[in-house]
């Protein structure tokens, strides 16, 4: 690798300082201090800026925390797109659970460019509960992008994401955390390790497509999981710092990419059976999005072959 000139090194240092200042949570044009400047433009700090002077914009203690700030034990990330009809119930349930169990936790809701009042609802809850933070994407980017955005801003020692519909109840989080405590780097909720815990199943057509997709992941990516797509996963901070900065898939195929990266870097992934109920409000189109996810699977394989998933200095 070409050695950077003194000018480039100095510029990189200045830019890093500028980025750190912005990420401390300066008020944006709406006067909302919990929404950092990057989020106002729909950007995650590591997304478009990573190639610039080969800056190291991965998560770190110095970047994630302000001076003297204490790291919470847990971070819960919830992506939301046009969830005005149910986000209130979701936030009330999650915040109540965290409070009742005495969790040392932050909750991060990521609005993915919603066209309804999702962001305003979340903002109202955030004003009343200091545990909750709102991040916003300027436009709709996809579930994968939103979760990556939330994870790159999360400060916890253990990071968990959950679907906004709580298909797996937040009370099931303890099962994932138990797997982490027992040595897992990543714990993924599964609907199929024990199918009897499903309280409302998907249609037979959706189940069949899911099985076909899992087979393609096994053949193309070498992944051997019963269920990769359940929207309920937990990560140690080290695991999150390994996989999320390298994530490129912005929509539905991101789960497979995260697990592929975990395999590449030798992280221990444990599949945990969780209670789950199919939500009729799901926005995924089995056929259209299934085709897109297959294409994304091929993209993940190509990224692996071409070295796109190599970390800096590898």
Protein backbone atom coordinates (compact mmCIF):
# COMPACT_ATOMS: atom_id res chain seq x y z
CA UNK A 1 0.00 0.00 0.00
CA UNK A 2 1.32 3.46 -0.89
CA UNK A 3 2.62 5.39 2.11
CA UNK A 4 0.51 8.48 2.81
CA UNK A 5 2.23 11.82 2.55
CA UNK A 6 2.56 14.12 5.59
CA UNK A 7 -0.16 16.31 4.05
CA UNK A 8 -2.57 13.40 3.69
CA UNK A 9 -1.84 12.24 7.23
CA UNK A 10 -2.47 15.72 8.62
CA UNK A 11 -5.68 16.08 6.61
CA UNK A 12 -6.90 12.68 7.76
CA UNK A 13 -6.33 13.69 11.39
CA UNK A 14 -8.25 16.93 10.92
CA UNK A 15 -11.15 15.14 9.22
CA UNK A 16 -11.28 12.54 11.99
CA UNK A 17 -11.47 15.32 14.56
CA UNK A 18 -14.25 17.00 12.60
CA UNK A 19 -16.20 13.75 12.31
CA UNK A 20 -15.83 13.05 16.04
CA UNK A 21 -17.13 16.54 16.84
CA UNK A 22 -20.18 16.03 14.64
CA UNK A 23 -20.95 12.60 16.08
CA UNK A 24 -21.13 13.95 19.63
CA UNK A 25 -24.76 14.88 18.92
CA UNK A 26 -24.84 18.52 17.88
CA UNK A 27 -28.39 19.85 17.40
CA UNK A 28 -29.66 19.70 13.84
CA UNK A 29 -31.96 22.14 12.07
CA UNK A 30 -34.94 20.64 13.96
CA UNK A 31 -33.29 21.32 17.29
CA UNK A 32 -33.15 17.61 18.08
CA UNK A 33 -29.84 16.95 19.79
CA UNK A 34 -30.32 13.17 19.70
CA UNK A 35 -30.21 13.20 15.91
CA UNK A 36 -26.61 13.60 14.77
CA UNK A 37 -25.65 15.48 11.61
CA UNK A 38 -24.81 12.32 9.71
CA UNK A 39 -28.26 10.90 10.39
CA UNK A 40 -29.91 14.13 9.23
CA UNK A 41 -28.56 13.38 5.77
CA UNK A 42 -29.38 9.68 5.94
CA UNK A 43 -25.74 8.66 6.33
CA UNK A 44 -24.04 6.21 8.62
CA UNK A 45 -20.58 7.47 9.59
CA UNK A 46 -18.85 4.49 8.00
CA UNK A 47 -20.83 4.42 4.77
CA UNK A 48 -19.77 7.03 2.20
CA UNK A 49 -16.71 8.34 4.04
CA UNK A 50 -14.77 5.14 4.60
CA UNK A 51 -12.60 5.34 1.42
CA UNK A 52 -11.59 8.97 2.07
CA UNK A 53 -7.83 8.98 2.87
CA UNK A 54 -8.40 5.38 4.00
CA UNK A 55 -9.83 6.71 7.26
CA UNK A 56 -10.46 4.18 9.98
CA UNK A 57 -14.13 4.89 10.70
CA UNK A 58 -14.92 1.59 12.38
CA UNK A 59 -16.64 1.68 15.75
CA UNK A 60 -14.33 2.31 18.67
CA UNK A 61 -14.56 3.41 22.29
CA UNK A 62 -13.25 6.86 21.48
CA UNK A 63 -15.64 7.38 18.57
CA UNK A 64 -18.81 5.99 20.09
CA UNK A 65 -18.59 7.71 23.46
CA UNK A 66 -18.06 11.31 24.40
CA UNK A 67 -15.48 12.16 27.05
CA UNK A 68 -16.47 10.68 30.40
CA UNK A 69 -19.58 9.00 28.98
CA UNK A 70 -20.38 5.53 30.31
CA UNK A 71 -21.10 2.66 27.94
CA UNK A 72 -24.51 1.00 28.53
CA UNK A 73 -24.64 -2.78 28.85
CA UNK A 74 -27.20 -3.22 26.06
CA UNK A 75 -28.29 -1.49 22.86
CA UNK A 76 -31.58 -2.39 21.19
CA UNK A 77 -31.96 -1.26 17.56
CA UNK A 78 -35.42 -1.16 15.95
CA UNK A 79 -35.76 -0.26 12.24
CA UNK A 80 -39.06 1.33 11.24
CA UNK A 81 -40.59 2.22 7.88
CA UNK A 82 -44.17 3.56 7.73
CA UNK A 83 -44.89 1.99 11.12
CA UNK A 84 -47.13 4.78 12.40
CA UNK A 85 -49.91 2.30 13.14
CA UNK A 86 -47.92 0.12 15.54
CA UNK A 87 -44.68 1.82 16.52
CA UNK A 88 -46.27 3.29 19.67
CA UNK A 89 -47.23 -0.14 20.97
CA UNK A 90 -43.77 -1.47 20.09
CA UNK A 91 -41.92 1.31 21.91
CA UNK A 92 -44.18 1.09 24.95
CA UNK A 93 -43.61 -2.64 25.22
CA UNK A 94 -39.84 -2.45 24.69
CA UNK A 95 -39.31 0.48 27.06
CA UNK A 96 -41.53 -1.08 29.71
CA UNK A 97 -39.63 -4.36 29.49
CA UNK A 98 -36.27 -2.63 29.79
CA UNK A 99 -37.46 -0.58 32.77
CA UNK A 100 -39.16 -3.44 34.59
CA UNK A 101 -36.14 -5.74 34.24
CA UNK A 102 -33.75 -2.98 35.25
CA UNK A 103 -31.69 -3.17 32.09
CA UNK A 104 -28.78 -0.77 31.68
CA UNK A 105 -29.82 -0.14 28.09
CA UNK A 106 -30.38 2.32 25.28
CA UNK A 107 -33.04 1.90 22.60
CA UNK A 108 -32.34 3.23 19.10
CA UNK A 109 -35.24 3.55 16.65
CA UNK A 110 -34.15 4.12 13.05
CA UNK A 111 -36.75 5.74 10.80
CA UNK A 112 -36.11 4.65 7.22
CA UNK A 113 -37.52 7.67 5.39
CA UNK A 114 -41.13 6.97 6.41
CA UNK A 115 -43.87 8.87 4.60
CA UNK A 116 -46.24 8.70 7.58
CA UNK A 117 -45.87 10.03 11.13
CA UNK A 118 -43.48 7.29 12.32
CA UNK A 119 -40.60 9.71 12.99
CA UNK A 120 -42.80 12.17 14.89
CA UNK A 121 -44.19 9.41 17.09
CA UNK A 122 -40.71 8.13 17.92
CA UNK A 123 -39.50 11.67 18.58
CA UNK A 124 -42.33 12.20 21.06
CA UNK A 125 -41.38 9.06 22.98
CA UNK A 126 -37.70 10.06 22.91
CA UNK A 127 -38.56 13.41 24.50
CA UNK A 128 -40.27 11.59 27.35
CA UNK A 129 -37.78 8.75 27.83
CA UNK A 130 -34.05 9.37 27.87
CA UNK A 131 -33.31 5.73 27.01
CA UNK A 132 -34.67 6.23 23.49
CA UNK A 133 -32.83 7.81 20.57
CA UNK A 134 -34.13 8.55 17.09
CA UNK A 135 -32.00 8.19 13.96
CA UNK A 136 -33.41 9.12 10.56
CA UNK A 137 -32.46 8.20 7.01
CA UNK A 138 -33.15 11.04 4.61
CA UNK A 139 -34.86 8.62 2.24
CA UNK A 140 -35.91 4.99 2.25
CA UNK A 141 -32.79 2.84 2.05
CA UNK A 142 -33.90 -0.55 3.32
CA UNK A 143 -33.94 -2.63 6.47
CA UNK A 144 -30.30 -3.64 6.15
CA UNK A 145 -29.11 -0.06 5.84
CA UNK A 146 -31.25 1.03 8.78
CA UNK A 147 -29.97 -1.69 11.08
CA UNK A 148 -26.39 -0.97 10.05
CA UNK A 149 -26.96 2.71 10.77
CA UNK A 150 -28.33 1.91 14.22
CA UNK A 151 -25.58 -0.57 15.04
CA UNK A 152 -22.82 1.84 14.01
CA UNK A 153 -24.26 4.42 16.41
CA UNK A 154 -24.98 1.98 19.24
CA UNK A 155 -22.86 2.27 22.37
CA UNK A 156 -23.71 -0.95 24.22
CA UNK A 157 -21.51 -3.89 25.10
CA UNK A 158 -24.14 -6.23 23.65
CA UNK A 159 -26.14 -5.07 20.63
CA UNK A 160 -29.50 -6.52 19.63
CA UNK A 161 -31.87 -5.72 16.79
CA UNK A 162 -35.56 -6.52 16.58
CA UNK A 163 -38.24 -6.03 13.95
CA UNK A 164 -40.69 -3.22 14.60
CA UNK A 165 -43.62 -5.64 14.60
CA UNK A 166 -42.06 -7.65 17.47
CA UNK A 167 -42.78 -10.91 15.66
CA UNK A 168 -40.43 -12.31 18.27
CA UNK A 169 -41.52 -10.67 21.53
CA UNK A 170 -38.87 -8.53 23.21
CA UNK A 171 -39.21 -10.82 26.24
CA UNK A 172 -37.43 -13.49 24.14
CA UNK A 173 -34.25 -11.37 24.21
CA UNK A 174 -33.10 -13.14 27.36
CA UNK A 175 -32.63 -16.34 25.31
CA UNK A 176 -30.25 -14.55 22.95
CA UNK A 177 -28.39 -12.93 25.82
CA UNK A 178 -28.02 -16.29 27.55
CA UNK A 179 -26.32 -17.66 24.42
CA UNK A 180 -23.97 -14.66 24.40
CA UNK A 181 -23.13 -15.22 28.07
CA UNK A 182 -22.35 -18.86 27.27
CA UNK A 183 -19.74 -17.88 24.71
CA UNK A 184 -21.50 -17.04 21.46
CA UNK A 185 -20.29 -14.02 19.50
CA UNK A 186 -23.62 -13.80 17.68
CA UNK A 187 -26.96 -15.29 18.74
CA UNK A 188 -29.64 -15.50 16.04
CA UNK A 189 -33.30 -16.12 16.72
CA UNK A 190 -34.66 -19.11 14.81
CA UNK A 191 -38.18 -20.11 13.87
CA UNK A 192 -37.19 -23.58 12.73
CA UNK A 193 -34.87 -25.06 15.36
CA UNK A 194 -38.09 -25.73 17.25
CA UNK A 195 -41.02 -25.01 14.95
CA UNK A 196 -43.49 -25.77 17.75
CA UNK A 197 -42.74 -22.36 19.33
CA UNK A 198 -44.30 -20.56 16.35
CA UNK A 199 -47.64 -19.18 17.47
CA UNK A 200 -48.72 -18.09 13.96
CA UNK A 201 -46.97 -19.58 10.96
CA UNK A 202 -46.35 -18.13 7.51
CA UNK A 203 -48.28 -19.43 4.53
CA UNK A 204 -47.08 -22.70 2.99
CA UNK A 205 -45.90 -20.70 -0.07
CA UNK A 206 -43.73 -18.42 2.06
CA UNK A 207 -42.36 -21.37 4.00
CA UNK A 208 -41.42 -23.15 0.76
CA UNK A 209 -39.66 -20.07 -0.62
CA UNK A 210 -37.80 -19.71 2.67
CA UNK A 211 -36.55 -23.30 2.46
CA UNK A 212 -35.39 -22.75 -1.13
CA UNK A 213 -33.56 -19.58 -0.10
CA UNK A 214 -31.85 -21.37 2.79
CA UNK A 215 -30.75 -24.10 0.39
CA UNK A 216 -29.24 -21.48 -1.92
CA UNK A 217 -27.37 -19.97 1.04
CA UNK A 218 -25.96 -23.39 1.86
CA UNK A 219 -24.83 -24.03 -1.72
CA UNK A 220 -23.55 -20.55 -2.60
CA UNK A 221 -22.31 -19.19 0.75
CA UNK A 222 -21.73 -22.34 2.76
CA UNK A 223 -24.13 -21.25 5.52
CA UNK A 224 -25.68 -24.06 7.54
CA UNK A 225 -28.48 -22.45 9.51
CA UNK A 226 -32.11 -23.46 9.75
CA UNK A 227 -33.24 -19.83 9.74
CA UNK A 228 -31.17 -16.82 8.64
CA UNK A 229 -34.00 -14.31 8.17
CA UNK A 230 -35.58 -14.04 11.60
CA UNK A 231 -35.34 -10.36 12.54
CA UNK A 232 -34.06 -10.99 16.05
CA UNK A 233 -30.29 -11.16 16.53
CA UNK A 234 -27.74 -10.22 19.20
CA UNK A 235 -24.03 -9.43 18.89
CA UNK A 236 -21.14 -8.90 21.22
CA UNK A 237 -19.52 -5.55 20.60
CA UNK A 238 -16.47 -7.24 19.08
CA UNK A 239 -18.68 -9.15 16.65
CA UNK A 240 -20.63 -6.03 15.72
CA UNK A 241 -17.41 -4.11 15.12
CA UNK A 242 -16.27 -6.93 12.84
CA UNK A 243 -19.29 -7.39 10.59
CA UNK A 244 -21.32 -4.18 10.38
CA UNK A 245 -18.61 -1.87 8.98
CA UNK A 246 -18.15 -4.39 6.13
CA UNK A 247 -21.87 -4.82 5.39
CA UNK A 248 -22.88 -3.68 1.89
CA UNK A 249 -26.38 -5.12 1.37
CA UNK A 250 -29.01 -2.51 2.22
CA UNK A 251 -32.24 -4.47 1.91
CA UNK A 252 -33.54 -7.95 2.76
CA UNK A 253 -30.39 -9.95 1.99
CA UNK A 254 -28.30 -8.32 4.69
CA UNK A 255 -28.82 -11.13 7.26
CA UNK A 256 -27.04 -13.62 5.01
CA UNK A 257 -24.21 -11.15 4.47
CA UNK A 258 -23.70 -10.67 8.21
CA UNK A 259 -23.57 -14.43 8.75
CA UNK A 260 -21.18 -14.87 5.82
CA UNK A 261 -18.89 -12.24 7.36
CA UNK A 262 -19.17 -13.96 10.74
CA UNK A 263 -18.06 -17.22 9.15
CA UNK A 264 -15.21 -15.52 7.30
CA UNK A 265 -13.82 -14.03 10.51
CA UNK A 266 -14.31 -17.07 12.69
CA UNK A 267 -17.08 -15.74 14.92
CA UNK A 268 -19.16 -18.23 16.88
CA UNK A 269 -22.81 -18.06 15.79
CA UNK A 270 -25.48 -19.90 17.80
CA UNK A 271 -29.00 -20.46 16.51
CA UNK A 272 -31.56 -20.01 19.31
CA UNK A 273 -35.21 -21.13 19.13
CA UNK A 274 -37.52 -18.20 19.90
CA UNK A 275 -41.26 -17.67 20.08
CA UNK A 276 -42.39 -16.12 16.81
CA UNK A 277 -45.66 -15.11 15.16
CA UNK A 278 -46.12 -14.13 11.52
CA UNK A 279 -47.29 -10.53 11.12
CA UNK A 280 -49.81 -9.81 8.38
CA UNK A 281 -48.41 -6.30 8.02
CA UNK A 282 -45.08 -7.51 6.61
CA UNK A 283 -43.92 -5.60 3.51
CA UNK A 284 -41.74 -8.25 1.95
CA UNK A 285 -43.01 -9.59 -1.38
CA UNK A 286 -42.10 -13.30 -1.49
CA UNK A 287 -41.55 -13.44 -5.25
CA UNK A 288 -40.09 -10.02 -6.08
CA UNK A 289 -37.95 -9.74 -2.96
CA UNK A 290 -37.06 -13.42 -3.14
CA UNK A 291 -35.48 -12.85 -6.55
CA UNK A 292 -33.67 -9.77 -5.24
CA UNK A 293 -32.34 -11.72 -2.27
CA UNK A 294 -31.02 -14.45 -4.57
CA UNK A 295 -29.19 -11.80 -6.62
CA UNK A 296 -27.82 -10.32 -3.39
CA UNK A 297 -26.60 -13.79 -2.41
CA UNK A 298 -24.57 -13.94 -5.62
CA UNK A 299 -23.28 -10.45 -4.87
CA UNK A 300 -22.14 -11.57 -1.40
CA UNK A 301 -20.29 -14.50 -2.94
CA UNK A 302 -18.60 -12.25 -5.46
CA UNK A 303 -17.62 -9.78 -2.73
CA UNK A 304 -16.02 -12.63 -0.84
CA UNK A 305 -14.07 -13.82 -3.88
CA UNK A 306 -12.99 -10.34 -4.95
CA UNK A 307 -11.68 -9.33 -1.53
CA UNK A 308 -14.27 -6.65 -0.83
CA UNK A 309 -14.75 -8.01 2.67
CA UNK A 310 -11.10 -7.64 3.63
CA UNK A 311 -10.54 -5.39 6.62
CA UNK A 312 -8.05 -2.48 6.50
CA UNK A 313 -4.39 -3.56 6.57
CA UNK A 314 -5.22 -7.17 5.67
